[in-house]
Amino acid sequence: MNKNMPENLKYTNSHEWVRVEGALATIGLTEFAQQQLGEVVFIELPAVGRTLRAGEQCAVVESLKAATDVYAPVSGEVVKVNQAVVDNPTLVNKDPYGAGWFYCVRLSQPAELETLLDPQQYAALAVKTEPLQQD
């Protein structure tokens, strides 16, 4: 697997990644998604304390080319957001799996993790995916 698709993450059909550490899940946008969007210029994240349901629209990313919704891959309460990425949206382009993370949730339905894609499944999806929807 290439360095642009970490093996320790889970992925979604809508191009979010999930890193699980105990009862917490950190969520961000994949390398593939940020490449499709181009230079990211604005990010709106969910508020700390908000309860998300898996599949719910919870954030917005705007680039010079497009705007796209970000969906919650798992259900839980938002316990932390990455203010650095709000202040400097290009962190998503520079380091999507590191400094460019979006938010953390305390998992309320850990079994939902089983519905997410592993790196190989996501790689197969990304190869045949149309460019991200522009709003």
C-alpha atoms as a PDB file:
ATOM      1  CA  MET A   1       0.000   0.000   0.000  1.00  0.00           C
ATOM      2  CA  ASN A   2       1.366   3.447  -0.808  1.00  0.00           C
ATOM      3  CA  LYS A   3       2.226   6.064   1.803  1.00  0.00           C
ATOM      4  CA  ASN A   4      -0.838   8.088   0.795  1.00  0.00           C
ATOM      5  CA  MET A   5      -3.196   5.472   2.217  1.00  0.00           C
ATOM      6  CA  PRO A   6      -2.231   4.547   5.772  1.00  0.00           C
ATOM      7  CA  GLU A   7      -2.921   0.909   6.657  1.00  0.00           C
ATOM      8  CA  ASN A   8      -4.060   1.741  10.207  1.00  0.00           C
ATOM      9  CA  LEU A   9      -7.110   3.740   9.083  1.00  0.00           C
ATOM     10  CA  LYS A  10     -10.649   2.892   8.021  1.00  0.00           C
ATOM     11  CA  TYR A  11     -12.240   4.687   5.060  1.00  0.00           C
ATOM     12  CA  THR A  12     -15.677   5.629   3.731  1.00  0.00           C
ATOM     13  CA  ASN A  13     -17.294   5.677   0.298  1.00  0.00           C
ATOM     14  CA  SER A  14     -17.544   9.469   0.692  1.00  0.00           C
ATOM     15  CA  HIS A  15     -13.738   9.832   1.149  1.00  0.00           C
ATOM     16  CA  GLU A  16     -13.387  10.356   4.902  1.00  0.00           C
ATOM     17  CA  TRP A  17     -10.812   8.473   6.972  1.00  0.00           C
ATOM     18  CA  VAL A  18     -11.151   7.257  10.563  1.00  0.00           C
ATOM     19  CA  ARG A  19      -8.359   6.577  13.071  1.00  0.00           C
ATOM     20  CA  VAL A  20      -9.593   4.683  16.136  1.00  0.00           C
ATOM     21  CA  GLU A  21      -7.812   4.973  19.476  1.00  0.00           C
ATOM     22  CA  GLY A  22      -9.799   3.294  22.228  1.00  0.00           C
ATOM     23  CA  ALA A  23     -13.243   4.889  22.413  1.00  0.00           C
ATOM     24  CA  LEU A  24     -12.200   7.884  20.303  1.00  0.00           C
ATOM     25  CA  ALA A  25     -12.265   8.218  16.526  1.00  0.00           C
ATOM     26  CA  THR A  26     -10.411  10.972  14.674  1.00  0.00           C
ATOM     27  CA  ILE A  27     -11.860  11.868  11.272  1.00  0.00           C
ATOM     28  CA  GLY A  28     -10.426  13.660   8.261  1.00  0.00           C
ATOM     29  CA  LEU A  29     -10.565  13.849   4.474  1.00  0.00           C
ATOM     30  CA  THR A  30      -8.546  11.396   2.367  1.00  0.00           C
ATOM     31  CA  GLU A  31      -5.575  12.211   0.161  1.00  0.00           C
ATOM     32  CA  PHE A  32      -7.707  11.288  -2.862  1.00  0.00           C
ATOM     33  CA  ALA A  33     -10.442  13.756  -1.835  1.00  0.00           C
ATOM     34  CA  GLN A  34      -8.072  16.660  -1.251  1.00  0.00           C
ATOM     35  CA  GLN A  35      -6.387  16.002  -4.607  1.00  0.00           C
ATOM     36  CA  GLN A  36      -9.792  16.106  -6.323  1.00  0.00           C
ATOM     37  CA  LEU A  37     -10.742  19.330  -4.549  1.00  0.00           C
ATOM     38  CA  GLY A  38      -7.489  21.159  -5.144  1.00  0.00           C
ATOM     39  CA  GLU A  39      -6.398  23.966  -2.824  1.00  0.00           C
ATOM     40  CA  VAL A  40      -8.671  24.021   0.227  1.00  0.00           C
ATOM     41  CA  VAL A  41      -9.592  27.573   1.283  1.00  0.00           C
ATOM     42  CA  PHE A  42     -12.346  27.118   3.903  1.00  0.00           C
ATOM     43  CA  ILE A  43     -13.424  24.450   6.390  1.00  0.00           C
ATOM     44  CA  GLU A  44     -16.441  24.454   8.677  1.00  0.00           C
ATOM     45  CA  LEU A  45     -16.359  21.781  11.385  1.00  0.00           C
ATOM     46  CA  PRO A  46     -19.051  20.493  13.750  1.00  0.00           C
ATOM     47  CA  ALA A  47     -19.258  22.077  17.211  1.00  0.00           C
ATOM     48  CA  VAL A  48     -17.761  20.331  20.239  1.00  0.00           C
ATOM     49  CA  GLY A  49     -20.622  18.639  22.086  1.00  0.00           C
ATOM     50  CA  ARG A  50     -22.643  17.936  18.948  1.00  0.00           C
ATOM     51  CA  THR A  51     -23.938  14.385  18.640  1.00  0.00           C
ATOM     52  CA  LEU A  52     -23.479  12.945  15.155  1.00  0.00           C
ATOM     53  CA  ARG A  53     -25.162   9.986  13.498  1.00  0.00           C
ATOM     54  CA  ALA A  54     -23.212   7.926  10.976  1.00  0.00           C
ATOM     55  CA  GLY A  55     -23.949   9.241   7.484  1.00  0.00           C
ATOM     56  CA  GLU A  56     -25.018  12.690   8.690  1.00  0.00           C
ATOM     57  CA  GLN A  57     -23.582  15.770   6.967  1.00  0.00           C
ATOM     58  CA  CYS A  58     -21.433  17.440   9.606  1.00  0.00           C
ATOM     59  CA  ALA A  59     -18.796  19.642   7.955  1.00  0.00           C
ATOM     60  CA  VAL A  60     -18.109  21.614   4.784  1.00  0.00           C
ATOM     61  CA  VAL A  61     -14.909  21.940   2.779  1.00  0.00           C
ATOM     62  CA  GLU A  62     -14.480  24.593   0.105  1.00  0.00           C
ATOM     63  CA  SER A  63     -11.646  24.762  -2.381  1.00  0.00           C
ATOM     64  CA  LEU A  64     -10.815  27.016  -5.279  1.00  0.00           C
ATOM     65  CA  LYS A  65     -12.608  24.455  -7.507  1.00  0.00           C
ATOM     66  CA  ALA A  66     -15.546  23.142  -5.466  1.00  0.00           C
ATOM     67  CA  ALA A  67     -17.413  22.853  -2.193  1.00  0.00           C
ATOM     68  CA  THR A  68     -18.241  19.489  -0.708  1.00  0.00           C
ATOM     69  CA  ASP A  69     -20.007  18.158   2.349  1.00  0.00           C
ATOM     70  CA  VAL A  70     -18.217  15.924   4.839  1.00  0.00           C
ATOM     71  CA  TYR A  71     -20.209  13.090   6.396  1.00  0.00           C
ATOM     72  CA  ALA A  72     -19.829  11.474   9.804  1.00  0.00           C
ATOM     73  CA  PRO A  73     -18.420   7.977   9.246  1.00  0.00           C
ATOM     74  CA  VAL A  74     -19.476   6.890  12.746  1.00  0.00           C
ATOM     75  CA  SER A  75     -21.914   7.991  15.438  1.00  0.00           C
ATOM     76  CA  GLY A  76     -20.753   9.781  18.550  1.00  0.00           C
ATOM     77  CA  GLU A  77     -20.257  13.034  20.400  1.00  0.00           C
ATOM     78  CA  VAL A  78     -17.762  15.542  19.026  1.00  0.00           C
ATOM     79  CA  VAL A  79     -15.144  15.944  21.775  1.00  0.00           C
ATOM     80  CA  LYS A  80     -12.466  17.909  19.897  1.00  0.00           C
ATOM     81  CA  VAL A  81     -12.071  19.893  16.680  1.00  0.00           C
ATOM     82  CA  ASN A  82      -8.893  20.892  14.880  1.00  0.00           C
ATOM     83  CA  GLN A  83      -8.879  24.685  15.093  1.00  0.00           C
ATOM     84  CA  ALA A  84      -5.534  24.734  13.265  1.00  0.00           C
ATOM     85  CA  VAL A  85      -7.175  23.354  10.096  1.00  0.00           C
ATOM     86  CA  VAL A  86      -9.957  25.959  10.328  1.00  0.00           C
ATOM     87  CA  ASP A  87      -7.336  28.715  10.660  1.00  0.00           C
ATOM     88  CA  ASN A  88      -5.098  27.203   7.944  1.00  0.00           C
ATOM     89  CA  PRO A  89      -7.232  25.054   5.570  1.00  0.00           C
ATOM     90  CA  THR A  90      -4.271  24.172   3.354  1.00  0.00           C
ATOM     91  CA  LEU A  91      -3.159  21.749   6.100  1.00  0.00           C
ATOM     92  CA  VAL A  92      -5.639  19.365   4.439  1.00  0.00           C
ATOM     93  CA  ASN A  93      -3.611  19.577   1.219  1.00  0.00           C
ATOM     94  CA  LYS A  94      -0.219  19.390   2.927  1.00  0.00           C
ATOM     95  CA  ASP A  95      -0.905  16.635   5.490  1.00  0.00           C
ATOM     96  CA  PRO A  96      -4.401  15.102   5.174  1.00  0.00           C
ATOM     97  CA  TYR A  97      -3.652  12.171   7.510  1.00  0.00           C
ATOM     98  CA  GLY A  98      -1.716  14.184  10.090  1.00  0.00           C
ATOM     99  CA  ALA A  99      -2.049  17.895  10.823  1.00  0.00           C
ATOM    100  CA  GLY A 100      -5.057  18.117   8.465  1.00  0.00           C
ATOM    101  CA  TRP A 101      -7.422  16.040  10.661  1.00  0.00           C
ATOM    102  CA  PHE A 102     -10.916  17.508  11.253  1.00  0.00           C
ATOM    103  CA  TYR A 103     -12.515  16.330  14.512  1.00  0.00           C
ATOM    104  CA  CYS A 104     -12.688  13.578  17.145  1.00  0.00           C
ATOM    105  CA  VAL A 105     -15.786  11.790  18.386  1.00  0.00           C
ATOM    106  CA  ARG A 106     -16.391   9.536  21.356  1.00  0.00           C
ATOM    107  CA  LEU A 107     -17.869   6.464  19.683  1.00  0.00           C
ATOM    108  CA  SER A 108     -21.446   5.655  20.658  1.00  0.00           C
ATOM    109  CA  GLN A 109     -21.859   2.719  18.226  1.00  0.00           C
ATOM    110  CA  PRO A 110     -18.446   1.010  17.901  1.00  0.00           C
ATOM    111  CA  ALA A 111     -19.966  -1.743  15.738  1.00  0.00           C
ATOM    112  CA  GLU A 112     -20.324   0.860  12.952  1.00  0.00           C
ATOM    113  CA  LEU A 113     -16.568   0.585  12.432  1.00  0.00           C
ATOM    114  CA  GLU A 114     -17.187  -2.819  10.848  1.00  0.00           C
ATOM    115  CA  THR A 115     -19.103  -1.126   8.004  1.00  0.00           C
ATOM    116  CA  LEU A 116     -16.118   1.015   6.985  1.00  0.00           C
ATOM    117  CA  LEU A 117     -13.657   0.146   4.231  1.00  0.00           C
ATOM    118  CA  ASP A 118     -10.162  -1.180   4.779  1.00  0.00           C
ATOM    119  CA  PRO A 119      -7.313   0.411   2.749  1.00  0.00           C
ATOM    120  CA  GLN A 120      -7.527  -2.146  -0.066  1.00  0.00           C
ATOM    121  CA  GLN A 121     -11.300  -1.712  -0.435  1.00  0.00           C
ATOM    122  CA  TYR A 122     -10.934   2.069  -0.431  1.00  0.00           C
ATOM    123  CA  ALA A 123      -8.103   1.962  -2.988  1.00  0.00           C
ATOM    124  CA  ALA A 124     -10.319  -0.075  -5.317  1.00  0.00           C
ATOM    125  CA  LEU A 125     -13.151   2.432  -4.836  1.00  0.00           C
ATOM    126  CA  ALA A 126     -10.934   5.491  -5.385  1.00  0.00           C
ATOM    127  CA  VAL A 127      -9.625   4.097  -8.679  1.00  0.00           C
ATOM    128  CA  LYS A 128     -13.121   3.974 -10.172  1.00  0.00           C
ATOM    129  CA  THR A 129     -14.625   7.019  -8.440  1.00  0.00           C
ATOM    130  CA  GLU A 130     -15.859   9.977 -10.424  1.00  0.00           C
ATOM    131  CA  PRO A 131     -14.460  13.353  -9.383  1.00  0.00           C
ATOM    132  CA  LEU A 132     -16.046  14.717  -6.221  1.00  0.00           C
ATOM    133  CA  GLN A 133     -19.428  16.349  -6.605  1.00  0.00           C
ATOM    134  CA  GLN A 134     -19.262  20.107  -6.963  1.00  0.00           C
ATOM    135  CA  ASP A 135     -21.959  22.151  -5.246  1.00  0.00           C
END
